[in-house]
Full PDB file with SEQRES, HELIX, SHEET, SSBOND, CRYST1, ORIGX, SCALE, CONECT and MASTER records, all heavy atoms in Angstrom:
SEQRES   1 A   34  ALA ASP LEU TYR GLN GLU GLN THR GLU LEU MET GLU SER          
SEQRES   2 A   34  LEU VAL LYS SER ILE PRO GLY TYR LEU SER HIS VAL SER          
SEQRES   3 A   34  PHE ARG ASP SER ALA THR ARG GLU                              
HELIX    1 AA1 ASP A    2  VAL A   15  1                                  14    
CRYST1    1.000    1.000    1.000  90.00  90.00  90.00 P 1           1          
ORIGX1      1.000000  0.000000  0.000000        0.00000                         
ORIGX2      0.000000  1.000000  0.000000        0.00000                         
ORIGX3      0.000000  0.000000  1.000000        0.00000                         
SCALE1      1.000000  0.000000  0.000000        0.00000                         
SCALE2      0.000000  1.000000  0.000000        0.00000                         
SCALE3      0.000000  0.000000  1.000000        0.00000                         
ATOM      1  N   ALA A   1      19.091  -5.067  11.905  1.00  0.00           N  
ATOM      2  CA  ALA A   1      17.833  -4.699  11.256  1.00  0.00           C  
ATOM      3  C   ALA A   1      18.019  -4.274   9.799  1.00  0.00           C  
ATOM      4  O   ALA A   1      17.215  -4.626   8.944  1.00  0.00           O  
ATOM      5  CB  ALA A   1      17.132  -3.606  12.042  1.00  0.00           C  
ATOM      6  N   ASP A   2      19.067  -3.503   9.498  1.00  0.00           N  
ATOM      7  CA  ASP A   2      19.253  -3.022   8.128  1.00  0.00           C  
ATOM      8  C   ASP A   2      19.521  -4.173   7.164  1.00  0.00           C  
ATOM      9  O   ASP A   2      18.915  -4.243   6.089  1.00  0.00           O  
ATOM     10  CB  ASP A   2      20.402  -2.009   8.060  1.00  0.00           C  
ATOM     11  CG  ASP A   2      20.054  -0.696   8.751  1.00  0.00           C  
ATOM     12  OD1 ASP A   2      18.853  -0.415   8.939  1.00  0.00           O  
ATOM     13  OD2 ASP A   2      20.992   0.038   9.106  1.00  0.00           O  
ATOM     14  N   LEU A   3      20.426  -5.064   7.525  1.00  0.00           N  
ATOM     15  CA  LEU A   3      20.738  -6.212   6.671  1.00  0.00           C  
ATOM     16  C   LEU A   3      19.516  -7.115   6.538  1.00  0.00           C  
ATOM     17  O   LEU A   3      19.238  -7.637   5.461  1.00  0.00           O  
ATOM     18  CB  LEU A   3      21.931  -6.994   7.222  1.00  0.00           C  
ATOM     19  CG  LEU A   3      22.377  -8.200   6.413  1.00  0.00           C  
ATOM     20  CD1 LEU A   3      22.746  -7.811   4.982  1.00  0.00           C  
ATOM     21  CD2 LEU A   3      23.567  -8.889   7.097  1.00  0.00           C  
ATOM     22  N   TYR A   4      18.770  -7.274   7.608  1.00  0.00           N  
ATOM     23  CA  TYR A   4      17.558  -8.097   7.572  1.00  0.00           C  
ATOM     24  C   TYR A   4      16.554  -7.516   6.578  1.00  0.00           C  
ATOM     25  O   TYR A   4      16.003  -8.239   5.746  1.00  0.00           O  
ATOM     26  CB  TYR A   4      16.926  -8.192   8.966  1.00  0.00           C  
ATOM     27  CG  TYR A   4      15.652  -8.999   8.978  1.00  0.00           C  
ATOM     28  CD1 TYR A   4      15.702 -10.389   9.010  1.00  0.00           C  
ATOM     29  CD2 TYR A   4      14.408  -8.379   8.936  1.00  0.00           C  
ATOM     30  CE1 TYR A   4      14.537 -11.138   9.012  1.00  0.00           C  
ATOM     31  CE2 TYR A   4      13.247  -9.117   8.936  1.00  0.00           C  
ATOM     32  CZ  TYR A   4      13.309 -10.495   8.977  1.00  0.00           C  
ATOM     33  OH  TYR A   4      12.156 -11.232   8.965  1.00  0.00           O  
ATOM     34  N   GLN A   5      16.327  -6.222   6.644  1.00  0.00           N  
ATOM     35  CA  GLN A   5      15.373  -5.580   5.736  1.00  0.00           C  
ATOM     36  C   GLN A   5      15.820  -5.729   4.281  1.00  0.00           C  
ATOM     37  O   GLN A   5      15.008  -6.014   3.397  1.00  0.00           O  
ATOM     38  CB  GLN A   5      15.192  -4.098   6.087  1.00  0.00           C  
ATOM     39  CG  GLN A   5      14.112  -3.411   5.284  1.00  0.00           C  
ATOM     40  CD  GLN A   5      12.740  -4.045   5.473  1.00  0.00           C  
ATOM     41  OE1 GLN A   5      12.384  -4.473   6.558  1.00  0.00           O  
ATOM     42  NE2 GLN A   5      11.975  -4.092   4.411  1.00  0.00           N  
ATOM     43  N   GLU A   6      17.100  -5.567   4.045  1.00  0.00           N  
ATOM     44  CA  GLU A   6      17.654  -5.730   2.698  1.00  0.00           C  
ATOM     45  C   GLU A   6      17.415  -7.149   2.188  1.00  0.00           C  
ATOM     46  O   GLU A   6      16.980  -7.345   1.049  1.00  0.00           O  
ATOM     47  CB  GLU A   6      19.152  -5.420   2.747  1.00  0.00           C  
ATOM     48  CG  GLU A   6      19.879  -5.590   1.450  1.00  0.00           C  
ATOM     49  CD  GLU A   6      21.368  -5.356   1.637  1.00  0.00           C  
ATOM     50  OE1 GLU A   6      21.750  -4.294   2.171  1.00  0.00           O  
ATOM     51  OE2 GLU A   6      22.149  -6.237   1.232  1.00  0.00           O  
ATOM     52  N   GLN A   7      17.676  -8.140   3.011  1.00  0.00           N  
ATOM     53  CA  GLN A   7      17.479  -9.533   2.612  1.00  0.00           C  
ATOM     54  C   GLN A   7      16.001  -9.859   2.411  1.00  0.00           C  
ATOM     55  O   GLN A   7      15.643 -10.596   1.500  1.00  0.00           O  
ATOM     56  CB  GLN A   7      18.095 -10.486   3.646  1.00  0.00           C  
ATOM     57  CG  GLN A   7      19.591 -10.559   3.589  1.00  0.00           C  
ATOM     58  CD  GLN A   7      20.085 -11.090   2.260  1.00  0.00           C  
ATOM     59  OE1 GLN A   7      19.722 -12.175   1.830  1.00  0.00           O  
ATOM     60  NE2 GLN A   7      20.936 -10.316   1.605  1.00  0.00           N  
ATOM     61  N   THR A   8      15.149  -9.296   3.260  1.00  0.00           N  
ATOM     62  CA  THR A   8      13.707  -9.517   3.119  1.00  0.00           C  
ATOM     63  C   THR A   8      13.216  -9.007   1.773  1.00  0.00           C  
ATOM     64  O   THR A   8      12.488  -9.701   1.057  1.00  0.00           O  
ATOM     65  CB  THR A   8      12.942  -8.822   4.260  1.00  0.00           C  
ATOM     66  OG1 THR A   8      13.337  -9.414   5.498  1.00  0.00           O  
ATOM     67  CG2 THR A   8      11.439  -8.952   4.095  1.00  0.00           C  
ATOM     68  N   GLU A   9      13.640  -7.820   1.401  1.00  0.00           N  
ATOM     69  CA  GLU A   9      13.229  -7.248   0.111  1.00  0.00           C  
ATOM     70  C   GLU A   9      13.768  -8.074  -1.051  1.00  0.00           C  
ATOM     71  O   GLU A   9      13.054  -8.312  -2.034  1.00  0.00           O  
ATOM     72  CB  GLU A   9      13.686  -5.799   0.022  1.00  0.00           C  
ATOM     73  CG  GLU A   9      12.929  -4.897   0.974  1.00  0.00           C  
ATOM     74  CD  GLU A   9      13.508  -3.491   1.077  1.00  0.00           C  
ATOM     75  OE1 GLU A   9      14.402  -3.135   0.273  1.00  0.00           O  
ATOM     76  OE2 GLU A   9      13.064  -2.744   1.972  1.00  0.00           O  
ATOM     77  N   LEU A  10      15.007  -8.535  -0.938  1.00  0.00           N  
ATOM     78  CA  LEU A  10      15.595  -9.376  -1.988  1.00  0.00           C  
ATOM     79  C   LEU A  10      14.823 -10.688  -2.128  1.00  0.00           C  
ATOM     80  O   LEU A  10      14.487 -11.103  -3.237  1.00  0.00           O  
ATOM     81  CB  LEU A  10      17.073  -9.652  -1.687  1.00  0.00           C  
ATOM     82  CG  LEU A  10      17.788 -10.612  -2.639  1.00  0.00           C  
ATOM     83  CD1 LEU A  10      17.804 -10.072  -4.059  1.00  0.00           C  
ATOM     84  CD2 LEU A  10      19.199 -10.892  -2.141  1.00  0.00           C  
ATOM     85  N   MET A  11      14.503 -11.337  -0.995  1.00  0.00           N  
ATOM     86  CA  MET A  11      13.793 -12.625  -1.049  1.00  0.00           C  
ATOM     87  C   MET A  11      12.382 -12.445  -1.597  1.00  0.00           C  
ATOM     88  O   MET A  11      11.918 -13.272  -2.385  1.00  0.00           O  
ATOM     89  CB  MET A  11      13.737 -13.275   0.341  1.00  0.00           C  
ATOM     90  CG  MET A  11      15.078 -13.776   0.853  1.00  0.00           C  
ATOM     91  SD  MET A  11      15.917 -14.936  -0.261  1.00  0.00           S  
ATOM     92  CE  MET A  11      17.151 -13.860  -1.003  1.00  0.00           C  
ATOM     93  N   GLU A  12      11.713 -11.363  -1.224  1.00  0.00           N  
ATOM     94  CA  GLU A  12      10.370 -11.111  -1.757  1.00  0.00           C  
ATOM     95  C   GLU A  12      10.397 -10.959  -3.268  1.00  0.00           C  
ATOM     96  O   GLU A  12       9.553 -11.494  -3.970  1.00  0.00           O  
ATOM     97  CB  GLU A  12       9.758  -9.870  -1.114  1.00  0.00           C  
ATOM     98  CG  GLU A  12       9.189 -10.134   0.245  1.00  0.00           C  
ATOM     99  CD  GLU A  12       8.260  -9.024   0.711  1.00  0.00           C  
ATOM    100  OE1 GLU A  12       7.746  -8.254  -0.123  1.00  0.00           O  
ATOM    101  OE2 GLU A  12       8.049  -8.950   1.923  1.00  0.00           O  
ATOM    102  N   SER A  13      11.361 -10.243  -3.763  1.00  0.00           N  
ATOM    103  CA  SER A  13      11.497 -10.051  -5.206  1.00  0.00           C  
ATOM    104  C   SER A  13      11.865 -11.361  -5.896  1.00  0.00           C  
ATOM    105  O   SER A  13      11.303 -11.710  -6.931  1.00  0.00           O  
ATOM    106  CB  SER A  13      12.558  -8.983  -5.470  1.00  0.00           C  
ATOM    107  OG  SER A  13      12.821  -8.882  -6.839  1.00  0.00           O  
ATOM    108  N   LEU A  14      12.802 -12.075  -5.301  1.00  0.00           N  
ATOM    109  CA  LEU A  14      13.311 -13.310  -5.913  1.00  0.00           C  
ATOM    110  C   LEU A  14      12.264 -14.415  -5.944  1.00  0.00           C  
ATOM    111  O   LEU A  14      12.109 -15.094  -6.956  1.00  0.00           O  
ATOM    112  CB  LEU A  14      14.557 -13.768  -5.153  1.00  0.00           C  
ATOM    113  CG  LEU A  14      15.375 -14.886  -5.754  1.00  0.00           C  
ATOM    114  CD1 LEU A  14      15.838 -14.532  -7.163  1.00  0.00           C  
ATOM    115  CD2 LEU A  14      16.578 -15.182  -4.877  1.00  0.00           C  
ATOM    116  N   VAL A  15      11.530 -14.611  -4.854  1.00  0.00           N  
ATOM    117  CA  VAL A  15      10.559 -15.709  -4.819  1.00  0.00           C  
ATOM    118  C   VAL A  15       9.481 -15.517  -5.879  1.00  0.00           C  
ATOM    119  O   VAL A  15       8.984 -16.482  -6.459  1.00  0.00           O  
ATOM    120  CB  VAL A  15       9.945 -15.905  -3.410  1.00  0.00           C  
ATOM    121  CG1 VAL A  15       8.978 -14.790  -3.053  1.00  0.00           C  
ATOM    122  CG2 VAL A  15       9.277 -17.267  -3.300  1.00  0.00           C  
ATOM    123  N   LYS A  16       9.143 -14.275  -6.174  1.00  0.00           N  
ATOM    124  CA  LYS A  16       8.113 -13.998  -7.176  1.00  0.00           C  
ATOM    125  C   LYS A  16       8.547 -14.424  -8.578  1.00  0.00           C  
ATOM    126  O   LYS A  16       7.709 -14.594  -9.459  1.00  0.00           O  
ATOM    127  CB  LYS A  16       7.748 -12.519  -7.155  1.00  0.00           C  
ATOM    128  CG  LYS A  16       7.000 -12.124  -5.901  1.00  0.00           C  
ATOM    129  CD  LYS A  16       6.743 -10.630  -5.844  1.00  0.00           C  
ATOM    130  CE  LYS A  16       6.031 -10.253  -4.556  1.00  0.00           C  
ATOM    131  NZ  LYS A  16       5.824  -8.803  -4.441  1.00  0.00           N  
ATOM    132  N   SER A  17       9.849 -14.602  -8.783  1.00  0.00           N  
ATOM    133  CA  SER A  17      10.357 -15.010 -10.091  1.00  0.00           C  
ATOM    134  C   SER A  17      10.416 -16.530 -10.250  1.00  0.00           C  
ATOM    135  O   SER A  17      10.727 -17.020 -11.336  1.00  0.00           O  
ATOM    136  CB  SER A  17      11.753 -14.422 -10.312  1.00  0.00           C  
ATOM    137  OG  SER A  17      12.715 -15.086  -9.509  1.00  0.00           O  
ATOM    138  N   ILE A  18      10.116 -17.274  -9.195  1.00  0.00           N  
ATOM    139  CA  ILE A  18      10.191 -18.736  -9.244  1.00  0.00           C  
ATOM    140  C   ILE A  18       8.953 -19.288  -9.940  1.00  0.00           C  
ATOM    141  O   ILE A  18       7.825 -18.997  -9.522  1.00  0.00           O  
ATOM    142  CB  ILE A  18      10.296 -19.322  -7.811  1.00  0.00           C  
ATOM    143  CG1 ILE A  18      11.548 -18.810  -7.103  1.00  0.00           C  
ATOM    144  CG2 ILE A  18      10.250 -20.848  -7.809  1.00  0.00           C  
ATOM    145  CD1 ILE A  18      12.848 -19.209  -7.756  1.00  0.00           C  
ATOM    146  N   PRO A  19       9.134 -20.082 -11.007  1.00  0.00           N  
ATOM    147  CA  PRO A  19       7.964 -20.713 -11.632  1.00  0.00           C  
ATOM    148  C   PRO A  19       7.208 -21.542 -10.595  1.00  0.00           C  
ATOM    149  O   PRO A  19       7.816 -22.264  -9.802  1.00  0.00           O  
ATOM    150  CB  PRO A  19       8.572 -21.610 -12.710  1.00  0.00           C  
ATOM    151  CG  PRO A  19       9.893 -20.967 -13.022  1.00  0.00           C  
ATOM    152  CD  PRO A  19      10.377 -20.421 -11.705  1.00  0.00           C  
ATOM    153  N   GLY A  20       5.908 -21.392 -10.563  1.00  0.00           N  
ATOM    154  CA  GLY A  20       5.086 -22.130  -9.611  1.00  0.00           C  
ATOM    155  C   GLY A  20       4.785 -21.364  -8.336  1.00  0.00           C  
ATOM    156  O   GLY A  20       3.944 -21.785  -7.546  1.00  0.00           O  
ATOM    157  N   TYR A  21       5.451 -20.223  -8.122  1.00  0.00           N  
ATOM    158  CA  TYR A  21       5.139 -19.382  -6.968  1.00  0.00           C  
ATOM    159  C   TYR A  21       3.756 -18.781  -7.185  1.00  0.00           C  
ATOM    160  O   TYR A  21       3.430 -18.301  -8.263  1.00  0.00           O  
ATOM    161  CB  TYR A  21       6.176 -18.264  -6.826  1.00  0.00           C  
ATOM    162  CG  TYR A  21       5.726 -17.140  -5.923  1.00  0.00           C  
ATOM    163  CD1 TYR A  21       5.853 -17.243  -4.551  1.00  0.00           C  
ATOM    164  CD2 TYR A  21       5.157 -15.979  -6.447  1.00  0.00           C  
ATOM    165  CE1 TYR A  21       5.428 -16.211  -3.716  1.00  0.00           C  
ATOM    166  CE2 TYR A  21       4.736 -14.951  -5.626  1.00  0.00           C  
ATOM    167  CZ  TYR A  21       4.870 -15.077  -4.257  1.00  0.00           C  
ATOM    168  OH  TYR A  21       4.445 -14.064  -3.446  1.00  0.00           O  
ATOM    169  N   LEU A  22       2.931 -18.790  -6.127  1.00  0.00           N  
ATOM    170  CA  LEU A  22       1.586 -18.241  -6.222  1.00  0.00           C  
ATOM    171  C   LEU A  22       1.430 -16.939  -5.443  1.00  0.00           C  
ATOM    172  O   LEU A  22       0.958 -15.949  -5.983  1.00  0.00           O  
ATOM    173  CB  LEU A  22       0.557 -19.269  -5.728  1.00  0.00           C  
ATOM    174  CG  LEU A  22       0.513 -20.582  -6.515  1.00  0.00           C  
ATOM    175  CD1 LEU A  22      -0.367 -21.597  -5.814  1.00  0.00           C  
ATOM    176  CD2 LEU A  22       0.034 -20.320  -7.936  1.00  0.00           C  
ATOM    177  N   SER A  23       1.816 -16.939  -4.178  1.00  0.00           N  
ATOM    178  CA  SER A  23       1.692 -15.743  -3.350  1.00  0.00           C  
ATOM    179  C   SER A  23       2.334 -16.012  -1.997  1.00  0.00           C  
ATOM    180  O   SER A  23       2.742 -17.137  -1.710  1.00  0.00           O  
ATOM    181  CB  SER A  23       0.223 -15.349  -3.148  1.00  0.00           C  
ATOM    182  OG  SER A  23      -0.449 -16.338  -2.398  1.00  0.00           O  
ATOM    183  N   HIS A  24       2.395 -14.960  -1.166  1.00  0.00           N  
ATOM    184  CA  HIS A  24       2.852 -15.134   0.210  1.00  0.00           C  
ATOM    185  C   HIS A  24       2.275 -14.035   1.092  1.00  0.00           C  
ATOM    186  O   HIS A  24       1.827 -13.006   0.594  1.00  0.00           O  
ATOM    187  CB  HIS A  24       4.385 -15.163   0.308  1.00  0.00           C  
ATOM    188  CG  HIS A  24       5.037 -13.848   0.109  1.00  0.00           C  
ATOM    189  ND1 HIS A  24       5.327 -13.340  -1.134  1.00  0.00           N  
ATOM    190  CD2 HIS A  24       5.451 -12.909   0.998  1.00  0.00           C  
ATOM    191  CE1 HIS A  24       5.903 -12.165  -1.005  1.00  0.00           C  
ATOM    192  NE2 HIS A  24       5.985 -11.868   0.282  1.00  0.00           N  
ATOM    193  N   VAL A  25       2.280 -14.304   2.373  1.00  0.00           N  
ATOM    194  CA  VAL A  25       1.825 -13.339   3.366  1.00  0.00           C  
ATOM    195  C   VAL A  25       2.747 -13.456   4.575  1.00  0.00           C  
ATOM    196  O   VAL A  25       3.205 -14.550   4.899  1.00  0.00           O  
ATOM    197  CB  VAL A  25       0.342 -13.585   3.749  1.00  0.00           C  
ATOM    198  CG1 VAL A  25       0.142 -14.952   4.360  1.00  0.00           C  
ATOM    199  CG2 VAL A  25      -0.169 -12.503   4.661  1.00  0.00           C  
ATOM    200  N   SER A  26       3.053 -12.310   5.199  1.00  0.00           N  
ATOM    201  CA  SER A  26       3.947 -12.296   6.360  1.00  0.00           C  
ATOM    202  C   SER A  26       3.397 -11.384   7.435  1.00  0.00           C  
ATOM    203  O   SER A  26       2.747 -10.381   7.133  1.00  0.00           O  
ATOM    204  CB  SER A  26       5.333 -11.762   5.981  1.00  0.00           C  
ATOM    205  OG  SER A  26       5.973 -12.594   5.067  1.00  0.00           O  
ATOM    206  N   PHE A  27       3.690 -11.724   8.674  1.00  0.00           N  
ATOM    207  CA  PHE A  27       3.403 -10.816   9.778  1.00  0.00           C  
ATOM    208  C   PHE A  27       4.348 -11.121  10.925  1.00  0.00           C  
ATOM    209  O   PHE A  27       4.879 -12.222  11.034  1.00  0.00           O  
ATOM    210  CB  PHE A  27       1.940 -10.899  10.231  1.00  0.00           C  
ATOM    211  CG  PHE A  27       1.512 -12.271  10.676  1.00  0.00           C  
ATOM    212  CD1 PHE A  27       1.633 -12.656  12.006  1.00  0.00           C  
ATOM    213  CD2 PHE A  27       0.969 -13.160   9.769  1.00  0.00           C  
ATOM    214  CE1 PHE A  27       1.226 -13.921  12.407  1.00  0.00           C  
ATOM    215  CE2 PHE A  27       0.567 -14.428  10.167  1.00  0.00           C  
ATOM    216  CZ  PHE A  27       0.692 -14.809  11.495  1.00  0.00           C  
ATOM    217  N   ARG A  28       4.611 -10.090  11.755  1.00  0.00           N  
ATOM    218  CA  ARG A  28       5.500 -10.230  12.895  1.00  0.00           C  
ATOM    219  C   ARG A  28       4.965  -9.406  14.053  1.00  0.00           C  
ATOM    220  O   ARG A  28       4.545  -8.265  13.861  1.00  0.00           O  
ATOM    221  CB  ARG A  28       6.925  -9.776  12.543  1.00  0.00           C  
ATOM    222  CG  ARG A  28       7.912 -10.004  13.696  1.00  0.00           C  
ATOM    223  CD  ARG A  28       9.354  -9.881  13.251  1.00  0.00           C  
ATOM    224  NE  ARG A  28       9.699 -10.745  12.144  1.00  0.00           N  
ATOM    225  CZ  ARG A  28      10.004 -12.056  12.261  1.00  0.00           C  
ATOM    226  NH1 ARG A  28       9.970 -12.639  13.427  1.00  0.00           N  
ATOM    227  NH2 ARG A  28      10.325 -12.754  11.202  1.00  0.00           N  
ATOM    228  N   ASP A  29       4.967  -9.973  15.238  1.00  0.00           N  
ATOM    229  CA  ASP A  29       4.575  -9.282  16.457  1.00  0.00           C  
ATOM    230  C   ASP A  29       5.797  -8.524  16.969  1.00  0.00           C  
ATOM    231  O   ASP A  29       6.811  -9.140  17.307  1.00  0.00           O  
ATOM    232  CB  ASP A  29       4.091 -10.298  17.487  1.00  0.00           C  
ATOM    233  CG  ASP A  29       3.620  -9.656  18.771  1.00  0.00           C  
ATOM    234  OD1 ASP A  29       4.355  -8.809  19.331  1.00  0.00           O  
ATOM    235  OD2 ASP A  29       2.532 -10.009  19.233  1.00  0.00           O  
ATOM    236  N   SER A  30       5.717  -7.206  17.003  1.00  0.00           N  
ATOM    237  CA  SER A  30       6.883  -6.402  17.389  1.00  0.00           C  
ATOM    238  C   SER A  30       7.256  -6.597  18.856  1.00  0.00           C  
ATOM    239  O   SER A  30       8.424  -6.461  19.216  1.00  0.00           O  
ATOM    240  CB  SER A  30       6.650  -4.928  17.092  1.00  0.00           C  
ATOM    241  OG  SER A  30       5.519  -4.460  17.791  1.00  0.00           O  
ATOM    242  N   ALA A  31       6.304  -6.943  19.703  1.00  0.00           N  
ATOM    243  CA  ALA A  31       6.598  -7.125  21.128  1.00  0.00           C  
ATOM    244  C   ALA A  31       7.377  -8.412  21.392  1.00  0.00           C  
ATOM    245  O   ALA A  31       8.346  -8.417  22.144  1.00  0.00           O  
ATOM    246  CB  ALA A  31       5.308  -7.126  21.936  1.00  0.00           C  
ATOM    247  N   THR A  32       6.970  -9.498  20.746  1.00  0.00           N  
ATOM    248  CA  THR A  32       7.628 -10.799  20.986  1.00  0.00           C  
ATOM    249  C   THR A  32       8.683 -11.121  19.929  1.00  0.00           C  
ATOM    250  O   THR A  32       9.446 -12.060  20.091  1.00  0.00           O  
ATOM    251  CB  THR A  32       6.602 -11.944  20.983  1.00  0.00           C  
ATOM    252  OG1 THR A  32       6.032 -12.055  19.669  1.00  0.00           O  
ATOM    253  CG2 THR A  32       5.520 -11.718  22.023  1.00  0.00           C  
ATOM    254  N   ARG A  33       8.688 -10.353  18.810  1.00  0.00           N  
ATOM    255  CA  ARG A  33       9.578 -10.566  17.673  1.00  0.00           C  
ATOM    256  C   ARG A  33       9.289 -11.889  16.947  1.00  0.00           C  
ATOM    257  O   ARG A  33      10.063 -12.341  16.136  1.00  0.00           O  
ATOM    258  CB  ARG A  33      11.048 -10.462  18.090  1.00  0.00           C  
ATOM    259  CG  ARG A  33      11.437  -9.110  18.634  1.00  0.00           C  
ATOM    260  CD  ARG A  33      12.914  -8.969  18.976  1.00  0.00           C  
ATOM    261  NE  ARG A  33      13.588 -10.132  19.475  1.00  0.00           N  
ATOM    262  CZ  ARG A  33      13.615 -10.539  20.748  1.00  0.00           C  
ATOM    263  NH1 ARG A  33      12.967  -9.866  21.662  1.00  0.00           N  
ATOM    264  NH2 ARG A  33      14.288 -11.611  21.111  1.00  0.00           N  
ATOM    265  N   GLU A  34       8.143 -12.526  17.259  1.00  0.00           N  
ATOM    266  CA  GLU A  34       7.754 -13.762  16.590  1.00  0.00           C  
ATOM    267  C   GLU A  34       7.022 -13.429  15.296  1.00  0.00           C  
ATOM    268  O   GLU A  34       6.220 -12.499  15.247  1.00  0.00           O  
ATOM    269  CB  GLU A  34       6.852 -14.607  17.494  1.00  0.00           C  
ATOM    270  CG  GLU A  34       7.579 -15.114  18.718  1.00  0.00           C  
ATOM    271  CD  GLU A  34       6.676 -15.871  19.672  1.00  0.00           C  
ATOM    272  OE1 GLU A  34       5.435 -15.800  19.535  1.00  0.00           O  
ATOM    273  OE2 GLU A  34       7.220 -16.526  20.568  1.00  0.00           O  
TER     274      GLU A  34                                                      
MASTER        0    0    0    1    0    0    0    6  273    1    0    3          
END                                                                             
């Protein structure tokens, strides 16, 4: 979980720097982990 959270934050920051990036949305069901 810790490494995952670190990578998630890095990817969120990084994708925003890509020319042509517009936006993103994420969600996860904690019961099914999907």
